[in-house]
Amino acid sequence: MEELITLRKYIEEKNYIKALELVGELEEMSKEDKLNKIYSYAVILLVHLIKQQAEKRTTRSWGVSINNSVREIKRTNKRRKSGGYYANEDELIETINEAFEAAIERAALEAFEGIYDGNELRQMIDVEQVKKSALTLINN
């Protein structure tokens, strides 16, 4: 809110250079917020994809969680008014790569009743295939 008051002040003072700089900062803050939300949903998506691959099974709950995560990632990433997306393909890949580390640790707590740690669970799966599956789901 403080930023909007400052923006109004810059416009009223006809200090358009400062106003445009502030608009740029606001755009960056908005994008970071969107990317953080995408990251959070990517962790959940990856947790369930990891568990599916490791345990070689699925549950309705995991399926619902996967579908919900994909839906929320797509919804968050979509620019409603201007069209397009907040995160491009490279940024989505980067986000999935970053989210994977958190996801493997969380999946280790849940898969096989938590008897394996993250490194052991990682050895049971094809990491690149899990990441590719997540990206494919997001892009479809």
N, C-alpha and C. Protein backbone atom coordinates (compact mmCIF):
# COMPACT_ATOMS: atom_id res chain seq x y z
N MET A 1 0.83 -1.20 0.00
CA MET A 1 0.00 0.00 0.00
C MET A 1 0.87 1.25 0.00
N GLU A 2 1.95 1.21 0.74
CA GLU A 2 2.86 2.35 0.81
C GLU A 2 3.39 2.71 -0.58
N GLU A 3 3.65 1.67 -1.37
CA GLU A 3 4.17 1.91 -2.72
C GLU A 3 3.16 2.66 -3.59
N LEU A 4 1.88 2.37 -3.42
CA LEU A 4 0.85 3.06 -4.21
C LEU A 4 0.74 4.53 -3.82
N ILE A 5 0.88 4.80 -2.55
CA ILE A 5 0.86 6.19 -2.09
C ILE A 5 2.06 6.95 -2.68
N THR A 6 3.21 6.30 -2.65
CA THR A 6 4.41 6.91 -3.23
C THR A 6 4.24 7.11 -4.73
N LEU A 7 3.66 6.13 -5.41
CA LEU A 7 3.42 6.25 -6.85
C LEU A 7 2.51 7.44 -7.15
N ARG A 8 1.44 7.58 -6.39
CA ARG A 8 0.53 8.70 -6.58
C ARG A 8 1.28 10.02 -6.41
N LYS A 9 2.13 10.08 -5.38
CA LYS A 9 2.91 11.29 -5.12
C LYS A 9 3.81 11.62 -6.31
N TYR A 10 4.50 10.63 -6.83
CA TYR A 10 5.38 10.86 -7.99
C TYR A 10 4.60 11.36 -9.20
N ILE A 11 3.43 10.79 -9.42
CA ILE A 11 2.60 11.22 -10.56
C ILE A 11 2.11 12.65 -10.36
N GLU A 12 1.64 12.95 -9.15
CA GLU A 12 1.17 14.30 -8.86
C GLU A 12 2.29 15.33 -9.01
N GLU A 13 3.51 14.92 -8.68
CA GLU A 13 4.67 15.81 -8.82
C GLU A 13 5.21 15.82 -10.25
N LYS A 14 4.59 15.01 -11.11
CA LYS A 14 5.02 14.85 -12.52
C LYS A 14 6.45 14.31 -12.61
N ASN A 15 6.82 13.52 -11.61
CA ASN A 15 8.13 12.87 -11.60
C ASN A 15 7.95 11.48 -12.20
N TYR A 16 7.80 11.46 -13.53
CA TYR A 16 7.44 10.23 -14.23
C TYR A 16 8.57 9.20 -14.25
N ILE A 17 9.79 9.65 -14.20
CA ILE A 17 10.91 8.70 -14.17
C ILE A 17 10.85 7.88 -12.89
N LYS A 18 10.68 8.54 -11.74
CA LYS A 18 10.56 7.84 -10.46
C LYS A 18 9.31 6.96 -10.44
N ALA A 19 8.23 7.49 -11.02
CA ALA A 19 6.97 6.72 -11.05
C ALA A 19 7.16 5.44 -11.85
N LEU A 20 7.82 5.52 -12.99
CA LEU A 20 8.05 4.34 -13.81
C LEU A 20 8.99 3.35 -13.13
N GLU A 21 9.99 3.86 -12.43
CA GLU A 21 10.88 2.97 -11.67
C GLU A 21 10.09 2.20 -10.62
N LEU A 22 9.19 2.91 -9.94
CA LEU A 22 8.37 2.27 -8.92
C LEU A 22 7.41 1.25 -9.53
N VAL A 23 6.85 1.57 -10.68
CA VAL A 23 5.98 0.62 -11.39
C VAL A 23 6.77 -0.66 -11.71
N GLY A 24 8.00 -0.51 -12.16
CA GLY A 24 8.86 -1.66 -12.43
C GLY A 24 9.08 -2.51 -11.19
N GLU A 25 9.32 -1.85 -10.06
CA GLU A 25 9.50 -2.57 -8.80
C GLU A 25 8.22 -3.32 -8.41
N LEU A 26 7.07 -2.67 -8.60
CA LEU A 26 5.79 -3.30 -8.27
C LEU A 26 5.54 -4.51 -9.16
N GLU A 27 5.89 -4.40 -10.43
CA GLU A 27 5.74 -5.53 -11.35
C GLU A 27 6.62 -6.69 -10.91
N GLU A 28 7.84 -6.40 -10.51
CA GLU A 28 8.77 -7.44 -10.06
C GLU A 28 8.26 -8.11 -8.79
N MET A 29 7.72 -7.31 -7.86
CA MET A 29 7.18 -7.87 -6.63
C MET A 29 6.00 -8.79 -6.94
N SER A 30 5.15 -8.39 -7.86
CA SER A 30 4.00 -9.19 -8.24
C SER A 30 4.45 -10.51 -8.86
N LYS A 31 5.44 -10.44 -9.73
CA LYS A 31 5.94 -11.65 -10.38
C LYS A 31 6.57 -12.58 -9.34
N GLU A 32 7.34 -12.04 -8.42
CA GLU A 32 7.95 -12.88 -7.37
C GLU A 32 6.89 -13.58 -6.54
N ASP A 33 5.80 -12.87 -6.24
CA ASP A 33 4.71 -13.48 -5.49
C ASP A 33 4.11 -14.65 -6.28
N LYS A 34 3.91 -14.46 -7.56
CA LYS A 34 3.36 -15.53 -8.41
C LYS A 34 4.32 -16.71 -8.45
N LEU A 35 5.61 -16.45 -8.62
CA LEU A 35 6.60 -17.53 -8.68
C LEU A 35 6.67 -18.29 -7.36
N ASN A 36 6.53 -17.60 -6.24
CA ASN A 36 6.52 -18.26 -4.94
C ASN A 36 5.32 -19.20 -4.80
N LYS A 37 4.17 -18.77 -5.29
CA LYS A 37 2.98 -19.63 -5.25
C LYS A 37 3.18 -20.84 -6.15
N ILE A 38 3.72 -20.62 -7.33
CA ILE A 38 3.98 -21.72 -8.25
C ILE A 38 4.94 -22.72 -7.61
N TYR A 39 5.99 -22.21 -6.96
CA TYR A 39 6.95 -23.06 -6.27
C TYR A 39 6.25 -23.94 -5.23
N SER A 40 5.39 -23.34 -4.43
CA SER A 40 4.69 -24.09 -3.37
C SER A 40 3.84 -25.23 -3.95
N TYR A 41 3.11 -24.92 -5.01
CA TYR A 41 2.31 -25.96 -5.64
C TYR A 41 3.18 -26.99 -6.36
N ALA A 42 4.32 -26.57 -6.88
CA ALA A 42 5.24 -27.50 -7.53
C ALA A 42 5.78 -28.51 -6.53
N VAL A 43 6.05 -28.07 -5.31
CA VAL A 43 6.52 -29.00 -4.27
C VAL A 43 5.47 -30.08 -4.04
N ILE A 44 4.23 -29.68 -3.89
CA ILE A 44 3.15 -30.65 -3.65
C ILE A 44 3.01 -31.60 -4.83
N LEU A 45 3.04 -31.05 -6.03
CA LEU A 45 2.95 -31.87 -7.25
C LEU A 45 4.08 -32.90 -7.28
N LEU A 46 5.29 -32.45 -7.04
CA LEU A 46 6.44 -33.34 -7.09
C LEU A 46 6.41 -34.40 -5.99
N VAL A 47 5.97 -34.04 -4.81
CA VAL A 47 5.87 -35.02 -3.72
C VAL A 47 5.05 -36.22 -4.17
N HIS A 48 3.91 -35.95 -4.77
CA HIS A 48 3.03 -37.05 -5.15
C HIS A 48 3.55 -37.81 -6.37
N LEU A 49 4.19 -37.12 -7.29
CA LEU A 49 4.80 -37.82 -8.43
C LEU A 49 5.95 -38.71 -7.96
N ILE A 50 6.72 -38.22 -7.01
CA ILE A 50 7.82 -39.02 -6.44
C ILE A 50 7.25 -40.27 -5.76
N LYS A 51 6.22 -40.09 -4.95
CA LYS A 51 5.64 -41.23 -4.24
C LYS A 51 5.06 -42.24 -5.23
N GLN A 52 4.39 -41.76 -6.27
CA GLN A 52 3.85 -42.67 -7.27
C GLN A 52 4.95 -43.52 -7.90
N GLN A 53 6.03 -42.85 -8.29
CA GLN A 53 7.10 -43.58 -8.96
C GLN A 53 7.83 -44.51 -8.00
N ALA A 54 8.10 -44.05 -6.80
CA ALA A 54 8.84 -44.87 -5.84
C ALA A 54 8.04 -46.08 -5.39
N GLU A 55 6.79 -45.85 -5.06
CA GLU A 55 5.96 -46.95 -4.54
C GLU A 55 5.29 -47.75 -5.65
N LYS A 56 5.41 -47.27 -6.89
CA LYS A 56 4.82 -47.95 -8.06
C LYS A 56 3.32 -48.21 -7.85
N ARG A 57 2.68 -47.18 -7.32
CA ARG A 57 1.24 -47.23 -7.12
C ARG A 57 0.74 -45.80 -6.99
N THR A 58 -0.56 -45.65 -6.93
CA THR A 58 -1.15 -44.34 -6.69
C THR A 58 -2.38 -44.50 -5.82
N THR A 59 -2.87 -43.40 -5.32
CA THR A 59 -4.13 -43.39 -4.57
C THR A 59 -5.00 -42.29 -5.14
N ARG A 60 -6.28 -42.34 -4.84
CA ARG A 60 -7.17 -41.27 -5.30
C ARG A 60 -6.73 -39.94 -4.71
N SER A 61 -6.30 -39.96 -3.46
CA SER A 61 -5.86 -38.74 -2.79
C SER A 61 -4.66 -38.12 -3.51
N TRP A 62 -3.70 -38.95 -3.90
CA TRP A 62 -2.53 -38.43 -4.62
C TRP A 62 -2.97 -37.85 -5.96
N GLY A 63 -3.88 -38.55 -6.64
CA GLY A 63 -4.37 -38.05 -7.93
C GLY A 63 -5.07 -36.70 -7.80
N VAL A 64 -5.89 -36.58 -6.77
CA VAL A 64 -6.58 -35.31 -6.54
C VAL A 64 -5.57 -34.21 -6.24
N SER A 65 -4.57 -34.53 -5.43
CA SER A 65 -3.54 -33.55 -5.08
C SER A 65 -2.74 -33.12 -6.31
N ILE A 66 -2.40 -34.08 -7.15
CA ILE A 66 -1.68 -33.78 -8.40
C ILE A 66 -2.52 -32.86 -9.27
N ASN A 67 -3.78 -33.24 -9.49
CA ASN A 67 -4.66 -32.42 -10.34
C ASN A 67 -4.85 -31.03 -9.77
N ASN A 68 -5.05 -30.93 -8.46
CA ASN A 68 -5.23 -29.62 -7.83
C ASN A 68 -3.97 -28.76 -7.99
N SER A 69 -2.81 -29.36 -7.77
CA SER A 69 -1.55 -28.61 -7.89
C SER A 69 -1.35 -28.10 -9.30
N VAL A 70 -1.60 -28.95 -10.29
CA VAL A 70 -1.46 -28.54 -11.69
C VAL A 70 -2.43 -27.41 -12.01
N ARG A 71 -3.67 -27.57 -11.58
CA ARG A 71 -4.69 -26.54 -11.83
C ARG A 71 -4.28 -25.20 -11.21
N GLU A 72 -3.78 -25.23 -9.97
CA GLU A 72 -3.39 -23.99 -9.29
C GLU A 72 -2.12 -23.37 -9.90
N ILE A 73 -1.19 -24.19 -10.34
CA ILE A 73 0.00 -23.66 -11.02
C ILE A 73 -0.43 -22.94 -12.29
N LYS A 74 -1.29 -23.59 -13.09
CA LYS A 74 -1.75 -22.97 -14.33
C LYS A 74 -2.52 -21.68 -14.05
N ARG A 75 -3.38 -21.73 -13.05
CA ARG A 75 -4.19 -20.55 -12.70
C ARG A 75 -3.31 -19.40 -12.23
N THR A 76 -2.34 -19.70 -11.38
CA THR A 76 -1.45 -18.67 -10.84
C THR A 76 -0.56 -18.09 -11.94
N ASN A 77 -0.14 -18.93 -12.86
CA ASN A 77 0.80 -18.49 -13.89
C ASN A 77 0.14 -17.66 -14.99
N LYS A 78 -1.16 -17.78 -15.15
CA LYS A 78 -1.87 -17.10 -16.24
C LYS A 78 -2.07 -15.62 -15.93
N ARG A 79 -1.67 -14.78 -16.86
CA ARG A 79 -1.97 -13.34 -16.77
C ARG A 79 -3.38 -13.14 -17.29
N ARG A 80 -4.28 -12.78 -16.42
CA ARG A 80 -5.68 -12.73 -16.79
C ARG A 80 -6.02 -11.59 -17.75
N LYS A 81 -5.57 -10.41 -17.46
CA LYS A 81 -5.98 -9.27 -18.28
C LYS A 81 -5.14 -9.11 -19.53
N SER A 82 -3.83 -9.24 -19.40
CA SER A 82 -2.96 -8.99 -20.55
C SER A 82 -2.67 -10.25 -21.36
N GLY A 83 -3.07 -11.40 -20.86
CA GLY A 83 -2.75 -12.65 -21.54
C GLY A 83 -1.31 -13.04 -21.26
N GLY A 84 -0.93 -14.20 -21.69
CA GLY A 84 0.43 -14.67 -21.47
C GLY A 84 0.59 -15.27 -20.10
N TYR A 85 1.85 -15.41 -19.68
CA TYR A 85 2.17 -16.09 -18.44
C TYR A 85 3.21 -15.32 -17.65
N TYR A 86 3.21 -15.51 -16.34
CA TYR A 86 4.23 -14.89 -15.49
C TYR A 86 5.56 -15.62 -15.65
N ALA A 87 5.52 -16.95 -15.62
CA ALA A 87 6.74 -17.75 -15.74
C ALA A 87 6.79 -18.37 -17.12
N ASN A 88 7.89 -18.14 -17.80
CA ASN A 88 8.07 -18.79 -19.10
C ASN A 88 8.58 -20.21 -18.88
N GLU A 89 8.81 -20.93 -19.96
CA GLU A 89 9.23 -22.33 -19.87
C GLU A 89 10.51 -22.51 -19.04
N ASP A 90 11.50 -21.67 -19.29
CA ASP A 90 12.76 -21.77 -18.54
C ASP A 90 12.55 -21.52 -17.05
N GLU A 91 11.71 -20.55 -16.73
CA GLU A 91 11.44 -20.25 -15.32
C GLU A 91 10.66 -21.38 -14.65
N LEU A 92 9.76 -22.03 -15.40
CA LEU A 92 9.05 -23.18 -14.84
C LEU A 92 10.02 -24.33 -14.57
N ILE A 93 10.94 -24.57 -15.49
CA ILE A 93 11.94 -25.62 -15.30
C ILE A 93 12.80 -25.31 -14.07
N GLU A 94 13.23 -24.06 -13.96
CA GLU A 94 14.02 -23.65 -12.80
C GLU A 94 13.25 -23.83 -11.50
N THR A 95 11.99 -23.48 -11.51
CA THR A 95 11.14 -23.62 -10.33
C THR A 95 10.98 -25.09 -9.95
N ILE A 96 10.76 -25.94 -10.93
CA ILE A 96 10.63 -27.38 -10.66
C ILE A 96 11.93 -27.92 -10.09
N ASN A 97 13.06 -27.51 -10.66
CA ASN A 97 14.36 -27.96 -10.15
C ASN A 97 14.56 -27.53 -8.70
N GLU A 98 14.21 -26.29 -8.39
CA GLU A 98 14.35 -25.79 -7.02
C GLU A 98 13.39 -26.49 -6.07
N ALA A 99 12.18 -26.73 -6.52
CA ALA A 99 11.16 -27.36 -5.69
C ALA A 99 11.46 -28.83 -5.42
N PHE A 100 12.22 -29.44 -6.30
CA PHE A 100 12.47 -30.88 -6.17
C PHE A 100 13.16 -31.22 -4.85
N GLU A 101 14.11 -30.42 -4.43
CA GLU A 101 14.84 -30.71 -3.19
C GLU A 101 13.91 -30.75 -1.98
N ALA A 102 13.01 -29.78 -1.89
CA ALA A 102 12.04 -29.78 -0.80
C ALA A 102 11.08 -30.95 -0.93
N ALA A 103 10.71 -31.26 -2.16
CA ALA A 103 9.75 -32.34 -2.40
C ALA A 103 10.33 -33.71 -2.04
N ILE A 104 11.58 -33.95 -2.35
CA ILE A 104 12.16 -35.27 -2.06
C ILE A 104 12.24 -35.49 -0.55
N GLU A 105 12.55 -34.44 0.19
CA GLU A 105 12.60 -34.57 1.66
C GLU A 105 11.21 -34.83 2.23
N ARG A 106 10.23 -34.12 1.71
CA ARG A 106 8.86 -34.31 2.20
C ARG A 106 8.32 -35.67 1.79
N ALA A 107 8.61 -36.08 0.55
CA ALA A 107 8.15 -37.38 0.08
C ALA A 107 8.78 -38.50 0.91
N ALA A 108 10.02 -38.31 1.34
CA ALA A 108 10.69 -39.32 2.16
C ALA A 108 9.95 -39.54 3.48
N LEU A 109 9.33 -38.52 3.99
CA LEU A 109 8.55 -38.66 5.23
C LEU A 109 7.26 -39.44 5.01
N GLU A 110 6.75 -39.37 3.79
CA GLU A 110 5.44 -39.95 3.49
C GLU A 110 5.51 -41.31 2.80
N ALA A 111 6.45 -41.49 1.90
CA ALA A 111 6.54 -42.73 1.13
C ALA A 111 7.06 -43.85 2.01
N PHE A 112 6.57 -45.05 1.78
CA PHE A 112 7.03 -46.23 2.51
C PHE A 112 7.02 -46.00 4.03
N GLU A 113 6.02 -45.25 4.47
CA GLU A 113 5.86 -44.94 5.89
C GLU A 113 7.09 -44.28 6.50
N GLY A 114 7.86 -43.57 5.68
CA GLY A 114 8.98 -42.78 6.16
C GLY A 114 10.23 -43.54 6.52
N ILE A 115 10.39 -44.77 6.04
CA ILE A 115 11.56 -45.56 6.44
C ILE A 115 12.84 -45.19 5.68
N TYR A 116 12.69 -44.44 4.57
CA TYR A 116 13.86 -44.04 3.79
C TYR A 116 14.07 -42.53 3.90
N ASP A 117 15.32 -42.11 3.88
CA ASP A 117 15.59 -40.67 3.86
C ASP A 117 15.56 -40.18 2.41
N GLY A 118 15.74 -38.89 2.24
CA GLY A 118 15.65 -38.29 0.92
C GLY A 118 16.64 -38.88 -0.08
N ASN A 119 17.87 -39.12 0.35
CA ASN A 119 18.88 -39.68 -0.56
C ASN A 119 18.53 -41.10 -0.98
N GLU A 120 18.04 -41.89 -0.04
CA GLU A 120 17.64 -43.26 -0.37
C GLU A 120 16.46 -43.26 -1.33
N LEU A 121 15.50 -42.39 -1.08
CA LEU A 121 14.33 -42.30 -1.95
C LEU A 121 14.74 -41.84 -3.35
N ARG A 122 15.66 -40.92 -3.41
CA ARG A 122 16.15 -40.40 -4.69
C ARG A 122 16.73 -41.55 -5.54
N GLN A 123 17.37 -42.51 -4.91
CA GLN A 123 17.97 -43.64 -5.63
C GLN A 123 16.91 -44.58 -6.21
N MET A 124 15.70 -44.51 -5.69
CA MET A 124 14.62 -45.40 -6.13
C MET A 124 13.86 -44.87 -7.33
N ILE A 125 14.10 -43.61 -7.68
CA ILE A 125 13.30 -42.99 -8.74
C ILE A 125 14.20 -42.47 -9.86
N ASP A 126 13.57 -42.17 -10.97
CA ASP A 126 14.23 -41.48 -12.08
C ASP A 126 13.91 -39.99 -11.91
N VAL A 127 14.84 -39.27 -11.31
CA VAL A 127 14.63 -37.86 -10.96
C VAL A 127 14.21 -37.05 -12.18
N GLU A 128 14.93 -37.21 -13.28
CA GLU A 128 14.62 -36.42 -14.48
C GLU A 128 13.24 -36.75 -15.03
N GLN A 129 12.83 -38.00 -14.92
CA GLN A 129 11.49 -38.39 -15.39
C GLN A 129 10.41 -37.76 -14.53
N VAL A 130 10.62 -37.69 -13.24
CA VAL A 130 9.64 -37.05 -12.35
C VAL A 130 9.51 -35.57 -12.71
N LYS A 131 10.64 -34.91 -12.90
CA LYS A 131 10.61 -33.49 -13.27
C LYS A 131 9.94 -33.28 -14.62
N LYS A 132 10.25 -34.16 -15.57
CA LYS A 132 9.65 -34.07 -16.91
C LYS A 132 8.15 -34.28 -16.83
N SER A 133 7.72 -35.24 -16.01
CA SER A 133 6.28 -35.49 -15.85
C SER A 133 5.57 -34.27 -15.28
N ALA A 134 6.20 -33.63 -14.29
CA ALA A 134 5.61 -32.43 -13.71
C ALA A 134 5.46 -31.33 -14.76
N LEU A 135 6.49 -31.11 -15.53
CA LEU A 135 6.46 -30.07 -16.56
C LEU A 135 5.42 -30.39 -17.62
N THR A 136 5.34 -31.65 -18.01
CA THR A 136 4.35 -32.07 -19.02
C THR A 136 2.93 -31.81 -18.52
N LEU A 137 2.66 -32.17 -17.26
CA LEU A 137 1.34 -31.92 -16.69
C LEU A 137 1.01 -30.43 -16.67
N ILE A 138 1.98 -29.62 -16.31
CA ILE A 138 1.76 -28.17 -16.24
C ILE A 138 1.51 -27.59 -17.63
N ASN A 139 2.21 -28.09 -18.61
CA ASN A 139 2.11 -27.55 -19.96
C ASN A 139 0.93 -28.07 -20.77
N ASN A 140 0.25 -29.10 -20.30
CA ASN A 140 -0.90 -29.64 -21.04
C ASN A 140 -2.19 -28.98 -20.62
